[in-house]
C-alpha atoms as a PDB file:
ATOM      1  CA  UNK A   1      -5.488  55.333  -2.688  1.00  0.00           C
ATOM      2  CA  UNK A   2      -6.987  52.430  -4.660  1.00  0.00           C
ATOM      3  CA  UNK A   3      -8.800  49.623  -2.879  1.00  0.00           C
ATOM      4  CA  UNK A   4      -8.176  46.110  -4.188  1.00  0.00           C
ATOM      5  CA  UNK A   5     -10.383  43.032  -3.725  1.00  0.00           C
ATOM      6  CA  UNK A   6      -8.852  39.588  -4.279  1.00  0.00           C
ATOM      7  CA  UNK A   7     -11.900  37.369  -4.810  1.00  0.00           C
ATOM      8  CA  UNK A   8     -11.284  33.660  -5.373  1.00  0.00           C
ATOM      9  CA  UNK A   9     -13.455  30.593  -4.872  1.00  0.00           C
ATOM     10  CA  UNK A  10     -10.246  28.602  -5.418  1.00  0.00           C
ATOM     11  CA  UNK A  11      -7.798  30.604  -3.282  1.00  0.00           C
ATOM     12  CA  UNK A  12      -4.347  31.717  -4.242  1.00  0.00           C
ATOM     13  CA  UNK A  13      -1.542  30.026  -2.317  1.00  0.00           C
ATOM     14  CA  UNK A  14      -0.798  31.683   1.048  1.00  0.00           C
ATOM     15  CA  UNK A  15       2.592  32.735  -0.312  1.00  0.00           C
ATOM     16  CA  UNK A  16       0.865  34.457  -3.226  1.00  0.00           C
ATOM     17  CA  UNK A  17      -1.522  36.353  -0.954  1.00  0.00           C
ATOM     18  CA  UNK A  18       1.358  37.406   1.279  1.00  0.00           C
ATOM     19  CA  UNK A  19       3.352  38.654  -1.707  1.00  0.00           C
ATOM     20  CA  UNK A  20       0.372  40.479  -3.198  1.00  0.00           C
ATOM     21  CA  UNK A  21      -0.388  42.193   0.103  1.00  0.00           C
ATOM     22  CA  UNK A  22       3.225  43.303   0.400  1.00  0.00           C
ATOM     23  CA  UNK A  23       3.237  44.736  -3.121  1.00  0.00           C
ATOM     24  CA  UNK A  24       0.021  46.649  -2.522  1.00  0.00           C
ATOM     25  CA  UNK A  25       1.061  47.812   0.950  1.00  0.00           C
ATOM     26  CA  UNK A  26       4.313  49.196  -0.446  1.00  0.00           C
ATOM     27  CA  UNK A  27       2.329  51.663  -2.585  1.00  0.00           C
ATOM     28  CA  UNK A  28      -0.338  52.373   0.006  1.00  0.00           C
ATOM     29  CA  UNK A  29      -3.201  50.383  -1.521  1.00  0.00           C
ATOM     30  CA  UNK A  30      -5.884  48.864   0.699  1.00  0.00           C
ATOM     31  CA  UNK A  31      -6.297  45.100   0.163  1.00  0.00           C
ATOM     32  CA  UNK A  32      -9.134  42.750   1.107  1.00  0.00           C
ATOM     33  CA  UNK A  33      -9.437  39.031   0.418  1.00  0.00           C
ATOM     34  CA  UNK A  34     -12.653  37.094  -0.280  1.00  0.00           C
ATOM     35  CA  UNK A  35     -11.919  33.366  -0.465  1.00  0.00           C
ATOM     36  CA  UNK A  36     -14.015  30.231  -0.860  1.00  0.00           C
ATOM     37  CA  UNK A  37     -17.253  32.169  -1.101  1.00  0.00           C
ATOM     38  CA  UNK A  38     -20.370  30.057  -1.507  1.00  0.00           C
ATOM     39  CA  UNK A  39     -22.635  31.967  -3.857  1.00  0.00           C
ATOM     40  CA  UNK A  40     -22.203  34.299  -6.839  1.00  0.00           C
ATOM     41  CA  UNK A  41     -24.219  36.828  -4.879  1.00  0.00           C
ATOM     42  CA  UNK A  42     -21.413  36.944  -2.302  1.00  0.00           C
ATOM     43  CA  UNK A  43     -19.126  38.392  -4.964  1.00  0.00           C
ATOM     44  CA  UNK A  44     -21.794  40.778  -6.219  1.00  0.00           C
ATOM     45  CA  UNK A  45     -22.291  42.162  -2.719  1.00  0.00           C
ATOM     46  CA  UNK A  46     -18.559  42.447  -2.032  1.00  0.00           C
ATOM     47  CA  UNK A  47     -17.332  44.456  -5.034  1.00  0.00           C
ATOM     48  CA  UNK A  48     -19.199  47.729  -4.600  1.00  0.00           C
ATOM     49  CA  UNK A  49     -16.462  49.968  -3.184  1.00  0.00           C
ATOM     50  CA  UNK A  50     -13.335  48.541  -4.805  1.00  0.00           C
ATOM     51  CA  UNK A  51     -11.217  50.121  -7.524  1.00  0.00           C
ATOM     52  CA  UNK A  52      -9.526  46.885  -8.610  1.00  0.00           C
ATOM     53  CA  UNK A  53     -10.555  43.236  -8.657  1.00  0.00           C
ATOM     54  CA  UNK A  54      -8.323  40.167  -8.893  1.00  0.00           C
ATOM     55  CA  UNK A  55      -9.945  36.820  -9.726  1.00  0.00           C
ATOM     56  CA  UNK A  56      -8.952  33.366 -10.911  1.00  0.00           C
ATOM     57  CA  UNK A  57     -11.720  31.303 -12.533  1.00  0.00           C
ATOM     58  CA  UNK A  58     -14.428  33.318 -10.795  1.00  0.00           C
ATOM     59  CA  UNK A  59     -17.357  34.556 -12.907  1.00  0.00           C
ATOM     60  CA  UNK A  60     -17.146  38.318 -13.383  1.00  0.00           C
ATOM     61  CA  UNK A  61     -20.600  38.710 -14.880  1.00  0.00           C
ATOM     62  CA  UNK A  62     -22.525  41.818 -15.905  1.00  0.00           C
ATOM     63  CA  UNK A  63     -24.206  41.698 -12.495  1.00  0.00           C
ATOM     64  CA  UNK A  64     -20.828  41.817 -10.758  1.00  0.00           C
ATOM     65  CA  UNK A  65     -19.655  44.681 -12.962  1.00  0.00           C
ATOM     66  CA  UNK A  66     -22.863  46.657 -12.506  1.00  0.00           C
ATOM     67  CA  UNK A  67     -22.550  46.308  -8.729  1.00  0.00           C
ATOM     68  CA  UNK A  68     -18.981  47.658  -8.727  1.00  0.00           C
ATOM     69  CA  UNK A  69     -19.530  51.398  -8.818  1.00  0.00           C
ATOM     70  CA  UNK A  70     -15.823  52.303  -8.417  1.00  0.00           C
ATOM     71  CA  UNK A  71     -14.240  49.492 -10.400  1.00  0.00           C
ATOM     72  CA  UNK A  72     -11.568  50.506 -12.896  1.00  0.00           C
ATOM     73  CA  UNK A  73      -9.636  47.292 -13.545  1.00  0.00           C
ATOM     74  CA  UNK A  74     -10.162  43.522 -13.369  1.00  0.00           C
ATOM     75  CA  UNK A  75      -7.181  41.177 -13.581  1.00  0.00           C
ATOM     76  CA  UNK A  76      -7.725  37.490 -14.192  1.00  0.00           C
ATOM     77  CA  UNK A  77      -4.818  35.559 -12.647  1.00  0.00           C
ATOM     78  CA  UNK A  78      -4.239  33.205 -15.558  1.00  0.00           C
ATOM     79  CA  UNK A  79      -4.300  33.135 -19.343  1.00  0.00           C
ATOM     80  CA  UNK A  80      -7.943  32.460 -20.239  1.00  0.00           C
ATOM     81  CA  UNK A  81     -10.427  35.250 -19.601  1.00  0.00           C
ATOM     82  CA  UNK A  82     -13.736  33.870 -20.858  1.00  0.00           C
ATOM     83  CA  UNK A  83     -15.006  34.023 -17.264  1.00  0.00           C
ATOM     84  CA  UNK A  84     -15.126  37.838 -17.519  1.00  0.00           C
ATOM     85  CA  UNK A  85     -17.892  39.669 -19.373  1.00  0.00           C
ATOM     86  CA  UNK A  86     -15.689  41.847 -21.560  1.00  0.00           C
ATOM     87  CA  UNK A  87     -18.578  43.677 -23.198  1.00  0.00           C
ATOM     88  CA  UNK A  88     -20.089  44.715 -19.873  1.00  0.00           C
ATOM     89  CA  UNK A  89     -16.681  45.849 -18.652  1.00  0.00           C
ATOM     90  CA  UNK A  90     -16.024  47.884 -21.779  1.00  0.00           C
ATOM     91  CA  UNK A  91     -19.383  49.652 -21.472  1.00  0.00           C
ATOM     92  CA  UNK A  92     -18.269  50.932 -18.076  1.00  0.00           C
ATOM     93  CA  UNK A  93     -14.714  51.696 -19.281  1.00  0.00           C
ATOM     94  CA  UNK A  94     -13.267  49.015 -17.013  1.00  0.00           C
ATOM     95  CA  UNK A  95      -9.929  47.614 -18.149  1.00  0.00           C
ATOM     96  CA  UNK A  96      -9.706  43.801 -18.142  1.00  0.00           C
ATOM     97  CA  UNK A  97      -6.325  42.079 -18.121  1.00  0.00           C
ATOM     98  CA  UNK A  98      -5.003  38.535 -17.912  1.00  0.00           C
ATOM     99  CA  UNK A  99      -1.554  37.357 -16.808  1.00  0.00           C
ATOM    100  CA  UNK A 100      -0.268  35.483 -19.883  1.00  0.00           C
ATOM    101  CA  UNK A 101       2.593  33.054 -19.493  1.00  0.00           C
ATOM    102  CA  UNK A 102       2.444  32.689 -15.725  1.00  0.00           C
ATOM    103  CA  UNK A 103       0.667  29.300 -15.889  1.00  0.00           C
ATOM    104  CA  UNK A 104       2.218  28.123 -19.140  1.00  0.00           C
ATOM    105  CA  UNK A 105       4.699  25.591 -17.822  1.00  0.00           C
ATOM    106  CA  UNK A 106       2.164  24.118 -15.399  1.00  0.00           C
ATOM    107  CA  UNK A 107      -0.326  23.562 -18.225  1.00  0.00           C
ATOM    108  CA  UNK A 108       2.318  22.041 -20.491  1.00  0.00           C
ATOM    109  CA  UNK A 109       3.565  19.656 -17.807  1.00  0.00           C
ATOM    110  CA  UNK A 110       0.008  18.491 -17.135  1.00  0.00           C
ATOM    111  CA  UNK A 111      -0.594  17.922 -20.840  1.00  0.00           C
ATOM    112  CA  UNK A 112       2.469  15.703 -21.035  1.00  0.00           C
ATOM    113  CA  UNK A 113       1.450  13.901 -17.867  1.00  0.00           C
ATOM    114  CA  UNK A 114      -1.868  13.024 -19.500  1.00  0.00           C
ATOM    115  CA  UNK A 115      -0.113  11.989 -22.710  1.00  0.00           C
ATOM    116  CA  UNK A 116       2.209   9.612 -20.869  1.00  0.00           C
ATOM    117  CA  UNK A 117      -0.646   8.240 -18.766  1.00  0.00           C
ATOM    118  CA  UNK A 118      -2.737   7.461 -21.842  1.00  0.00           C
ATOM    119  CA  UNK A 119       0.179   6.116 -23.872  1.00  0.00           C
ATOM    120  CA  UNK A 120       0.907   3.613 -21.099  1.00  0.00           C
ATOM    121  CA  UNK A 121      -2.699   2.433 -21.008  1.00  0.00           C
ATOM    122  CA  UNK A 122      -3.455   4.442 -17.881  1.00  0.00           C
ATOM    123  CA  UNK A 123      -0.892   2.362 -16.002  1.00  0.00           C
ATOM    124  CA  UNK A 124      -3.074  -0.764 -16.094  1.00  0.00           C
ATOM    125  CA  UNK A 125      -0.104  -3.127 -16.331  1.00  0.00           C
ATOM    126  CA  UNK A 126      -0.448  -3.860 -20.041  1.00  0.00           C
ATOM    127  CA  UNK A 127       2.104  -2.898 -22.674  1.00  0.00           C
ATOM    128  CA  UNK A 128       1.652   0.623 -23.981  1.00  0.00           C
ATOM    129  CA  UNK A 129       3.517   2.994 -26.280  1.00  0.00           C
ATOM    130  CA  UNK A 130       6.343   5.498 -25.937  1.00  0.00           C
ATOM    131  CA  UNK A 131       6.275   9.164 -26.905  1.00  0.00           C
ATOM    132  CA  UNK A 132       9.780   9.040 -28.338  1.00  0.00           C
ATOM    133  CA  UNK A 133       9.832   9.625 -32.122  1.00  0.00           C
ATOM    134  CA  UNK A 134       6.087  10.294 -32.214  1.00  0.00           C
ATOM    135  CA  UNK A 135       4.819  13.489 -33.836  1.00  0.00           C
ATOM    136  CA  UNK A 136       3.231  16.314 -31.852  1.00  0.00           C
ATOM    137  CA  UNK A 137       1.221  19.084 -33.497  1.00  0.00           C
ATOM    138  CA  UNK A 138       0.575  22.278 -31.545  1.00  0.00           C
ATOM    139  CA  UNK A 139      -2.660  24.036 -32.445  1.00  0.00           C
ATOM    140  CA  UNK A 140      -1.556  27.584 -31.531  1.00  0.00           C
ATOM    141  CA  UNK A 141       1.947  28.531 -30.521  1.00  0.00           C
ATOM    142  CA  UNK A 142       1.680  30.948 -27.620  1.00  0.00           C
ATOM    143  CA  UNK A 143       3.241  30.662 -24.174  1.00  0.00           C
ATOM    144  CA  UNK A 144       1.898  27.169 -23.482  1.00  0.00           C
ATOM    145  CA  UNK A 145       2.744  25.978 -26.983  1.00  0.00           C
ATOM    146  CA  UNK A 146       6.347  27.062 -26.535  1.00  0.00           C
ATOM    147  CA  UNK A 147       6.580  25.171 -23.248  1.00  0.00           C
ATOM    148  CA  UNK A 148       5.066  22.122 -24.948  1.00  0.00           C
ATOM    149  CA  UNK A 149       7.708  22.291 -27.680  1.00  0.00           C
ATOM    150  CA  UNK A 150      10.510  22.529 -25.121  1.00  0.00           C
ATOM    151  CA  UNK A 151       9.272  19.488 -23.199  1.00  0.00           C
ATOM    152  CA  UNK A 152       8.567  17.511 -26.379  1.00  0.00           C
ATOM    153  CA  UNK A 153      12.175  17.863 -27.455  1.00  0.00           C
ATOM    154  CA  UNK A 154      13.187  16.152 -24.221  1.00  0.00           C
ATOM    155  CA  UNK A 155      10.974  13.234 -25.257  1.00  0.00           C
ATOM    156  CA  UNK A 156      12.619  13.258 -28.709  1.00  0.00           C
ATOM    157  CA  UNK A 157       9.301  13.957 -30.391  1.00  0.00           C
ATOM    158  CA  UNK A 158       8.898  15.616 -33.776  1.00  0.00           C
ATOM    159  CA  UNK A 159       7.137  18.942 -33.208  1.00  0.00           C
ATOM    160  CA  UNK A 160       5.156  21.135 -35.588  1.00  0.00           C
ATOM    161  CA  UNK A 161       2.819  24.060 -35.013  1.00  0.00           C
ATOM    162  CA  UNK A 162       0.046  26.015 -36.662  1.00  0.00           C
ATOM    163  CA  UNK A 163      -0.798  29.527 -35.521  1.00  0.00           C
ATOM    164  CA  UNK A 164      -2.625  31.949 -37.854  1.00  0.00           C
ATOM    165  CA  UNK A 165      -1.096  34.906 -36.018  1.00  0.00           C
ATOM    166  CA  UNK A 166       2.558  33.855 -36.316  1.00  0.00           C
ATOM    167  CA  UNK A 167       4.840  33.642 -39.327  1.00  0.00           C
ATOM    168  CA  UNK A 168       7.134  30.820 -40.326  1.00  0.00           C
ATOM    169  CA  UNK A 169      10.296  32.474 -39.053  1.00  0.00           C
ATOM    170  CA  UNK A 170       8.889  33.009 -35.557  1.00  0.00           C
ATOM    171  CA  UNK A 171       7.892  29.356 -35.176  1.00  0.00           C
ATOM    172  CA  UNK A 172      10.910  27.779 -36.839  1.00  0.00           C
ATOM    173  CA  UNK A 173      13.410  29.791 -34.802  1.00  0.00           C
ATOM    174  CA  UNK A 174      12.478  27.449 -31.927  1.00  0.00           C
ATOM    175  CA  UNK A 175      13.238  24.362 -33.982  1.00  0.00           C
ATOM    176  CA  UNK A 176       9.536  23.694 -34.584  1.00  0.00           C
ATOM    177  CA  UNK A 177       8.188  22.837 -38.027  1.00  0.00           C
ATOM    178  CA  UNK A 178       5.828  25.473 -39.423  1.00  0.00           C
ATOM    179  CA  UNK A 179       2.425  24.377 -40.706  1.00  0.00           C
ATOM    180  CA  UNK A 180       0.722  26.898 -42.970  1.00  0.00           C
ATOM    181  CA  UNK A 181      -2.757  25.377 -42.607  1.00  0.00           C
ATOM    182  CA  UNK A 182      -4.604  23.652 -39.812  1.00  0.00           C
ATOM    183  CA  UNK A 183      -5.632  20.650 -41.898  1.00  0.00           C
ATOM    184  CA  UNK A 184      -2.008  19.654 -42.466  1.00  0.00           C
ATOM    185  CA  UNK A 185      -1.352  19.927 -38.735  1.00  0.00           C
ATOM    186  CA  UNK A 186      -4.000  17.313 -37.964  1.00  0.00           C
ATOM    187  CA  UNK A 187      -3.103  15.167 -40.956  1.00  0.00           C
ATOM    188  CA  UNK A 188       0.590  15.008 -40.020  1.00  0.00           C
ATOM    189  CA  UNK A 189       0.585  14.365 -36.272  1.00  0.00           C
ATOM    190  CA  UNK A 190      -0.322  11.429 -34.074  1.00  0.00           C
ATOM    191  CA  UNK A 191      -0.721  13.814 -31.137  1.00  0.00           C
ATOM    192  CA  UNK A 192      -2.438  17.185 -31.529  1.00  0.00           C
ATOM    193  CA  UNK A 193      -2.479  19.501 -28.527  1.00  0.00           C
ATOM    194  CA  UNK A 194      -4.942  22.396 -28.325  1.00  0.00           C
ATOM    195  CA  UNK A 195      -3.869  25.807 -27.046  1.00  0.00           C
ATOM    196  CA  UNK A 196      -6.546  28.029 -28.525  1.00  0.00           C
ATOM    197  CA  UNK A 197      -8.921  30.316 -26.586  1.00  0.00           C
ATOM    198  CA  UNK A 198     -12.680  29.847 -26.493  1.00  0.00           C
ATOM    199  CA  UNK A 199     -14.245  32.645 -28.510  1.00  0.00           C
ATOM    200  CA  UNK A 200     -16.748  33.141 -31.307  1.00  0.00           C
ATOM    201  CA  UNK A 201     -14.294  31.890 -33.925  1.00  0.00           C
ATOM    202  CA  UNK A 202     -13.046  28.830 -32.069  1.00  0.00           C
ATOM    203  CA  UNK A 203     -16.121  27.426 -30.313  1.00  0.00           C
ATOM    204  CA  UNK A 204     -16.822  23.922 -31.696  1.00  0.00           C
ATOM    205  CA  UNK A 205     -14.107  24.476 -34.295  1.00  0.00           C
ATOM    206  CA  UNK A 206     -12.409  21.168 -33.454  1.00  0.00           C
ATOM    207  CA  UNK A 207     -14.822  19.170 -35.539  1.00  0.00           C
ATOM    208  CA  UNK A 208     -15.172  16.014 -37.587  1.00  0.00           C
ATOM    209  CA  UNK A 209     -13.408  17.500 -40.595  1.00  0.00           C
ATOM    210  CA  UNK A 210     -10.233  18.025 -38.553  1.00  0.00           C
ATOM    211  CA  UNK A 211     -10.384  14.971 -36.299  1.00  0.00           C
ATOM    212  CA  UNK A 212     -10.974  12.610 -39.205  1.00  0.00           C
ATOM    213  CA  UNK A 213      -7.645  13.703 -40.695  1.00  0.00           C
ATOM    214  CA  UNK A 214      -5.594  12.416 -37.776  1.00  0.00           C
ATOM    215  CA  UNK A 215      -3.471   9.340 -38.533  1.00  0.00           C
ATOM    216  CA  UNK A 216      -3.893   5.919 -36.975  1.00  0.00           C
ATOM    217  CA  UNK A 217      -3.720   5.947 -33.171  1.00  0.00           C
ATOM    218  CA  UNK A 218      -4.396   9.676 -33.134  1.00  0.00           C
ATOM    219  CA  UNK A 219      -4.624  11.326 -29.714  1.00  0.00           C
ATOM    220  CA  UNK A 220      -6.274  14.709 -29.157  1.00  0.00           C
ATOM    221  CA  UNK A 221      -4.943  16.588 -26.117  1.00  0.00           C
ATOM    222  CA  UNK A 222      -7.067  19.411 -24.742  1.00  0.00           C
ATOM    223  CA  UNK A 223      -5.767  21.658 -21.978  1.00  0.00           C
ATOM    224  CA  UNK A 224      -7.622  24.652 -23.409  1.00  0.00           C
ATOM    225  CA  UNK A 225     -11.429  24.810 -23.041  1.00  0.00           C
ATOM    226  CA  UNK A 226     -14.135  22.199 -23.576  1.00  0.00           C
ATOM    227  CA  UNK A 227     -16.136  24.684 -25.656  1.00  0.00           C
ATOM    228  CA  UNK A 228     -13.687  24.453 -28.562  1.00  0.00           C
ATOM    229  CA  UNK A 229     -14.675  20.810 -29.130  1.00  0.00           C
ATOM    230  CA  UNK A 230     -17.684  19.912 -31.263  1.00  0.00           C
ATOM    231  CA  UNK A 231     -18.902  17.130 -28.993  1.00  0.00           C
ATOM    232  CA  UNK A 232     -21.251  15.572 -31.515  1.00  0.00           C
ATOM    233  CA  UNK A 233     -18.342  15.184 -33.913  1.00  0.00           C
ATOM    234  CA  UNK A 234     -16.124  13.891 -31.099  1.00  0.00           C
ATOM    235  CA  UNK A 235     -18.633  11.103 -30.451  1.00  0.00           C
ATOM    236  CA  UNK A 236     -18.807  10.386 -34.175  1.00  0.00           C
ATOM    237  CA  UNK A 237     -15.029   9.905 -34.371  1.00  0.00           C
ATOM    238  CA  UNK A 238     -15.032   7.621 -31.322  1.00  0.00           C
ATOM    239  CA  UNK A 239     -17.759   5.532 -32.969  1.00  0.00           C
ATOM    240  CA  UNK A 240     -16.047   5.311 -36.353  1.00  0.00           C
ATOM    241  CA  UNK A 241     -12.459   4.771 -35.213  1.00  0.00           C
ATOM    242  CA  UNK A 242     -11.542   2.422 -32.396  1.00  0.00           C
ATOM    243  CA  UNK A 243      -7.952   3.746 -32.483  1.00  0.00           C
ATOM    244  CA  UNK A 244      -8.848   7.367 -31.633  1.00  0.00           C
ATOM    245  CA  UNK A 245      -8.168   8.681 -28.113  1.00  0.00           C
ATOM    246  CA  UNK A 246      -8.840  11.896 -26.211  1.00  0.00           C
ATOM    247  CA  UNK A 247      -7.305  13.348 -23.030  1.00  0.00           C
ATOM    248  CA  UNK A 248      -8.278  16.598 -21.369  1.00  0.00           C
ATOM    249  CA  UNK A 249      -8.108  18.451 -18.069  1.00  0.00           C
ATOM    250  CA  UNK A 250     -11.797  19.235 -18.349  1.00  0.00           C
ATOM    251  CA  UNK A 251     -14.490  16.666 -19.019  1.00  0.00           C
ATOM    252  CA  UNK A 252     -16.867  17.227 -21.949  1.00  0.00           C
ATOM    253  CA  UNK A 253     -20.615  17.322 -21.486  1.00  0.00           C
ATOM    254  CA  UNK A 254     -20.776  13.944 -23.253  1.00  0.00           C
ATOM    255  CA  UNK A 255     -18.573  12.299 -20.611  1.00  0.00           C
ATOM    256  CA  UNK A 256     -21.215   9.761 -19.549  1.00  0.00           C
ATOM    257  CA  UNK A 257     -21.690   8.490 -23.101  1.00  0.00           C
ATOM    258  CA  UNK A 258     -17.933   8.102 -23.523  1.00  0.00           C
ATOM    259  CA  UNK A 259     -17.756   6.200 -20.241  1.00  0.00           C
ATOM    260  CA  UNK A 260     -20.548   3.892 -21.300  1.00  0.00           C
ATOM    261  CA  UNK A 261     -19.083   3.002 -24.697  1.00  0.00           C
ATOM    262  CA  UNK A 262     -15.364   3.778 -24.935  1.00  0.00           C
ATOM    263  CA  UNK A 263     -13.751   3.087 -21.585  1.00  0.00           C
ATOM    264  CA  UNK A 264      -9.952   3.206 -21.705  1.00  0.00           C
ATOM    265  CA  UNK A 265      -9.781   5.440 -24.777  1.00  0.00           C
ATOM    266  CA  UNK A 266     -10.024   8.724 -22.905  1.00  0.00           C
ATOM    267  CA  UNK A 267      -8.917  10.394 -19.705  1.00  0.00           C
ATOM    268  CA  UNK A 268     -10.228  13.503 -17.946  1.00  0.00           C
ATOM    269  CA  UNK A 269      -8.889  15.044 -14.766  1.00  0.00           C
ATOM    270  CA  UNK A 270     -11.465  15.418 -11.963  1.00  0.00           C
ATOM    271  CA  UNK A 271     -11.548  19.194 -12.482  1.00  0.00           C
ATOM    272  CA  UNK A 272      -9.894  21.894 -14.570  1.00  0.00           C
ATOM    273  CA  UNK A 273      -6.362  21.849 -13.197  1.00  0.00           C
ATOM    274  CA  UNK A 274      -3.881  22.967 -15.838  1.00  0.00           C
ATOM    275  CA  UNK A 275      -2.720  25.858 -13.670  1.00  0.00           C
ATOM    276  CA  UNK A 276      -2.989  24.002 -10.364  1.00  0.00           C
ATOM    277  CA  UNK A 277       0.606  24.148  -9.189  1.00  0.00           C
ATOM    278  CA  UNK A 278       2.022  26.161  -6.335  1.00  0.00           C
ATOM    279  CA  UNK A 279       4.501  27.846  -8.641  1.00  0.00           C
ATOM    280  CA  UNK A 280       1.899  28.910 -11.205  1.00  0.00           C
ATOM    281  CA  UNK A 281      -0.429  30.075  -8.454  1.00  0.00           C
ATOM    282  CA  UNK A 282       2.222  32.357  -6.970  1.00  0.00           C
ATOM    283  CA  UNK A 283       3.424  33.604 -10.361  1.00  0.00           C
ATOM    284  CA  UNK A 284      -0.087  34.552 -11.490  1.00  0.00           C
ATOM    285  CA  UNK A 285      -0.968  36.275  -8.221  1.00  0.00           C
ATOM    286  CA  UNK A 286       2.166  38.394  -8.126  1.00  0.00           C
ATOM    287  CA  UNK A 287       1.822  39.260 -11.806  1.00  0.00           C
ATOM    288  CA  UNK A 288      -1.777  40.410 -11.218  1.00  0.00           C
ATOM    289  CA  UNK A 289      -0.682  42.677  -8.360  1.00  0.00           C
ATOM    290  CA  UNK A 290       2.172  44.179 -10.373  1.00  0.00           C
ATOM    291  CA  UNK A 291      -0.134  44.859 -13.332  1.00  0.00           C
ATOM    292  CA  UNK A 292      -2.666  46.645 -11.130  1.00  0.00           C
ATOM    293  CA  UNK A 293       0.054  48.821  -9.632  1.00  0.00           C
ATOM    294  CA  UNK A 294       1.479  49.641 -13.069  1.00  0.00           C
ATOM    295  CA  UNK A 295      -2.021  50.539 -14.258  1.00  0.00           C
ATOM    296  CA  UNK A 296      -2.723  52.999 -11.454  1.00  0.00           C
ATOM    297  CA  UNK A 297       0.793  54.422 -11.178  1.00  0.00           C
ATOM    298  CA  UNK A 298       1.779  54.582 -14.848  1.00  0.00           C
ATOM    299  CA  UNK A 299      -1.395  54.086 -16.855  1.00  0.00           C
ATOM    300  CA  UNK A 300       0.046  50.812 -18.167  1.00  0.00           C
ATOM    301  CA  UNK A 301      -2.538  48.758 -20.115  1.00  0.00           C
ATOM    302  CA  UNK A 302      -0.073  46.380 -21.771  1.00  0.00           C
ATOM    303  CA  UNK A 303      -2.045  43.227 -20.922  1.00  0.00           C
ATOM    304  CA  UNK A 304      -5.532  44.602 -21.588  1.00  0.00           C
ATOM    305  CA  UNK A 305      -7.777  42.101 -23.375  1.00  0.00           C
ATOM    306  CA  UNK A 306     -10.909  44.222 -23.970  1.00  0.00           C
ATOM    307  CA  UNK A 307      -9.371  46.811 -26.283  1.00  0.00           C
END
């Protein structure tokens, strides 16, 4: 029977581990847990004899994959999977999956929390602004984007979306305005929220040409990845426009320069925490376990990302 390693520097919730163990035990799989390990080498040394690996934000590098002589599947509990070396996995015919949608509401709620916090001047006691009747543009309309649209309607915001992989009918069936090009999305919305992955096409794609299109009092919201931002262009916009603001759940590399010059016009959470809710943690863990079982029992590769 397959052996499964759950390896997480940031552990799953105890309820998630309990549920995952029960799912694996029900089909006779052996389960081990490696939590809060100190060094990358700890993971490299641990993976050798396992058939399946479950991680969160842990780095599944080529060295990890090469050390895992029996590994057949890696599941990243969450949506993003840039922490896994897909090329190295593919070379060894290892299936890599994510668990899309399980963290979506948690990420969307955090994004709105940051938007409210910034709109009210970070709760400094001075008069701020409301989100009601403001425009929100969603750059990509996947699981998180859909949750963002749902919440935005509760704030009575005007919502539009651009997604090169979705047609007008798919977006507008949710009551969201379809944008057929990304420039119009930035030009038309005071708030633009990023929900794109970090890959070869998107890295540093949020650049001066897009940011300069945003209207007065434009606010960029990033709960995706810092790598999608062109930081030199971000600094240029901050310098040119004293109305521009930026909020994110991951600080850019240029954080110190922003702190030195533009205090109050940005907010970053202390660490990447879009998926840091108990509910999302449990959902992602259980989904990962179910996907591993479906893979071994049925050959199901529905959520494979290294096709």
